[in-house]
Amino acid sequence: MTHLKINYVEFASGDLPTTKAFFSKAFGWSFQDYGPTYAAMTNTGLDGGFQSDPTEASAAPLVILKADDLEAAEQAVKAAGGAITRAIFSFPGGRRFHFREPGGNEMAVWSEK
């Protein structure tokens, strides 16, 4: 398994159009929409996005690691004492799972299709 690095940060938004307008005006960020409830940030220095679906959004920013082998990363998380909080699922562009590390932080790992 390759070393997993921070690859993406996902924030929640209660009002996606207003969030996009704010960051566009304040910092010149651009966005790529993926349906009505998700927008990826572009030209921000780090890949990321905003989730406005309340059933999908996390309470805190979600740091996402990238893996070449998603199943191996999941096994490594479990072996190190992490708890899987959301089993592997597909999304546009790949697959991912969520976990909670022993200190309580929730994170995710993704891989391309």
Protein backbone atom coordinates (compact mmCIF):
# COMPACT_ATOMS: atom_id res chain seq x y z
CA MET A 1 0.00 0.00 0.00
CA THR A 2 1.34 3.44 -0.89
CA HIS A 3 1.63 6.11 1.76
CA LEU A 4 -1.74 7.83 2.17
CA LYS A 5 -1.62 11.63 2.01
CA ILE A 6 -4.28 14.26 2.59
CA ASN A 7 -5.90 14.71 -0.79
CA TYR A 8 -9.24 16.48 -0.27
CA VAL A 9 -11.17 18.43 2.36
CA GLU A 10 -14.97 18.45 2.40
CA PHE A 11 -17.02 21.08 4.22
CA ALA A 12 -20.73 21.18 4.99
CA SER A 13 -22.89 24.04 3.70
CA GLY A 14 -26.42 24.88 4.76
CA ASP A 15 -26.81 27.12 1.69
CA LEU A 16 -24.65 26.01 -1.22
CA PRO A 17 -25.35 28.94 -3.60
CA THR A 18 -24.52 31.47 -0.87
CA THR A 19 -21.38 29.57 0.15
CA LYS A 20 -20.18 29.49 -3.44
CA ALA A 21 -20.92 33.20 -3.93
CA PHE A 22 -19.05 34.10 -0.72
CA PHE A 23 -15.85 32.19 -1.54
CA SER A 24 -15.95 33.32 -5.15
CA LYS A 25 -16.24 36.98 -4.13
CA ALA A 26 -13.89 36.86 -1.12
CA PHE A 27 -11.11 34.69 -2.56
CA GLY A 28 -11.76 34.26 -6.28
CA TRP A 29 -12.47 30.54 -5.98
CA SER A 30 -14.27 28.68 -8.77
CA PHE A 31 -16.55 25.67 -8.46
CA GLN A 32 -17.50 22.55 -10.39
CA ASP A 33 -21.06 21.45 -9.60
CA TYR A 34 -21.82 17.74 -9.19
CA GLY A 35 -25.58 17.83 -8.89
CA PRO A 36 -27.68 20.23 -6.82
CA THR A 37 -26.09 19.46 -3.44
CA TYR A 38 -22.36 19.25 -4.15
CA ALA A 39 -19.76 21.64 -5.52
CA ALA A 40 -16.04 20.96 -5.77
CA MET A 41 -13.67 23.88 -5.14
CA THR A 42 -11.14 24.71 -7.85
CA ASN A 43 -8.06 26.97 -7.85
CA THR A 44 -7.94 26.93 -4.03
CA GLY A 45 -4.52 25.38 -3.37
CA LEU A 46 -6.02 22.10 -2.09
CA ASP A 47 -8.78 20.05 -3.66
CA GLY A 48 -12.04 20.12 -1.75
CA GLY A 49 -15.75 20.71 -1.89
CA PHE A 50 -18.95 21.67 -0.14
CA GLN A 51 -21.75 19.20 0.66
CA SER A 52 -25.20 20.72 1.20
CA ASP A 53 -27.24 17.53 1.55
CA PRO A 54 -27.89 17.39 5.32
CA THR A 55 -28.06 13.58 5.21
CA GLU A 56 -24.56 13.42 3.68
CA ALA A 57 -22.74 16.37 5.30
CA SER A 58 -20.45 15.86 8.27
CA ALA A 59 -20.60 18.20 11.28
CA ALA A 60 -16.90 19.04 11.02
CA PRO A 61 -14.70 19.38 7.93
CA LEU A 62 -13.99 15.97 6.48
CA VAL A 63 -10.34 15.33 5.62
CA ILE A 64 -10.03 12.76 2.85
CA LEU A 65 -6.98 10.61 2.08
CA LYS A 66 -6.33 9.01 -1.31
CA ALA A 67 -5.40 5.33 -1.70
CA ASP A 68 -4.42 3.19 -4.66
CA ASP A 69 -6.00 0.13 -2.98
CA LEU A 70 -9.15 1.06 -1.05
CA GLU A 71 -9.69 -2.36 0.47
CA ALA A 72 -6.09 -2.51 1.76
CA ALA A 73 -6.50 0.95 3.28
CA GLU A 74 -9.71 -0.15 5.00
CA GLN A 75 -7.96 -3.20 6.46
CA ALA A 76 -5.08 -1.00 7.66
CA VAL A 77 -7.52 1.36 9.40
CA LYS A 78 -9.22 -1.56 11.15
CA ALA A 79 -5.89 -3.18 12.12
CA ALA A 80 -4.71 0.10 13.67
CA GLY A 81 -7.84 0.39 15.83
CA GLY A 82 -9.99 2.66 13.65
CA ALA A 83 -13.74 2.16 13.45
CA ILE A 84 -15.44 2.13 10.06
CA THR A 85 -18.33 4.61 10.24
CA ARG A 86 -19.45 4.27 6.62
CA ALA A 87 -18.68 1.20 4.53
CA ILE A 88 -17.17 1.50 1.06
CA PHE A 89 -19.56 3.23 -1.33
CA SER A 90 -19.42 4.62 -4.86
CA PHE A 91 -19.74 8.27 -5.83
CA PRO A 92 -19.12 10.13 -9.11
CA GLY A 93 -15.40 9.69 -9.71
CA GLY A 94 -14.59 6.81 -7.39
CA ARG A 95 -15.29 4.97 -4.16
CA ARG A 96 -14.62 5.78 -0.50
CA PHE A 97 -15.21 4.82 3.11
CA HIS A 98 -15.33 6.82 6.34
CA PHE A 99 -13.67 5.96 9.63
CA ARG A 100 -13.16 7.32 13.13
CA GLU A 101 -9.66 7.20 14.56
CA PRO A 102 -9.25 6.38 18.28
CA GLY A 103 -9.02 10.09 19.20
CA GLY A 104 -12.49 10.70 17.77
CA ASN A 105 -11.78 12.41 14.43
CA GLU A 106 -13.78 11.20 11.45
CA MET A 107 -11.89 10.98 8.17
CA ALA A 108 -12.36 9.25 4.83
CA VAL A 109 -10.26 7.39 2.27
CA TRP A 110 -11.06 7.37 -1.44
CA SER A 111 -9.77 5.77 -4.62
CA GLU A 112 -10.52 6.33 -8.26
CA LYS A 113 -12.73 3.86 -10.10
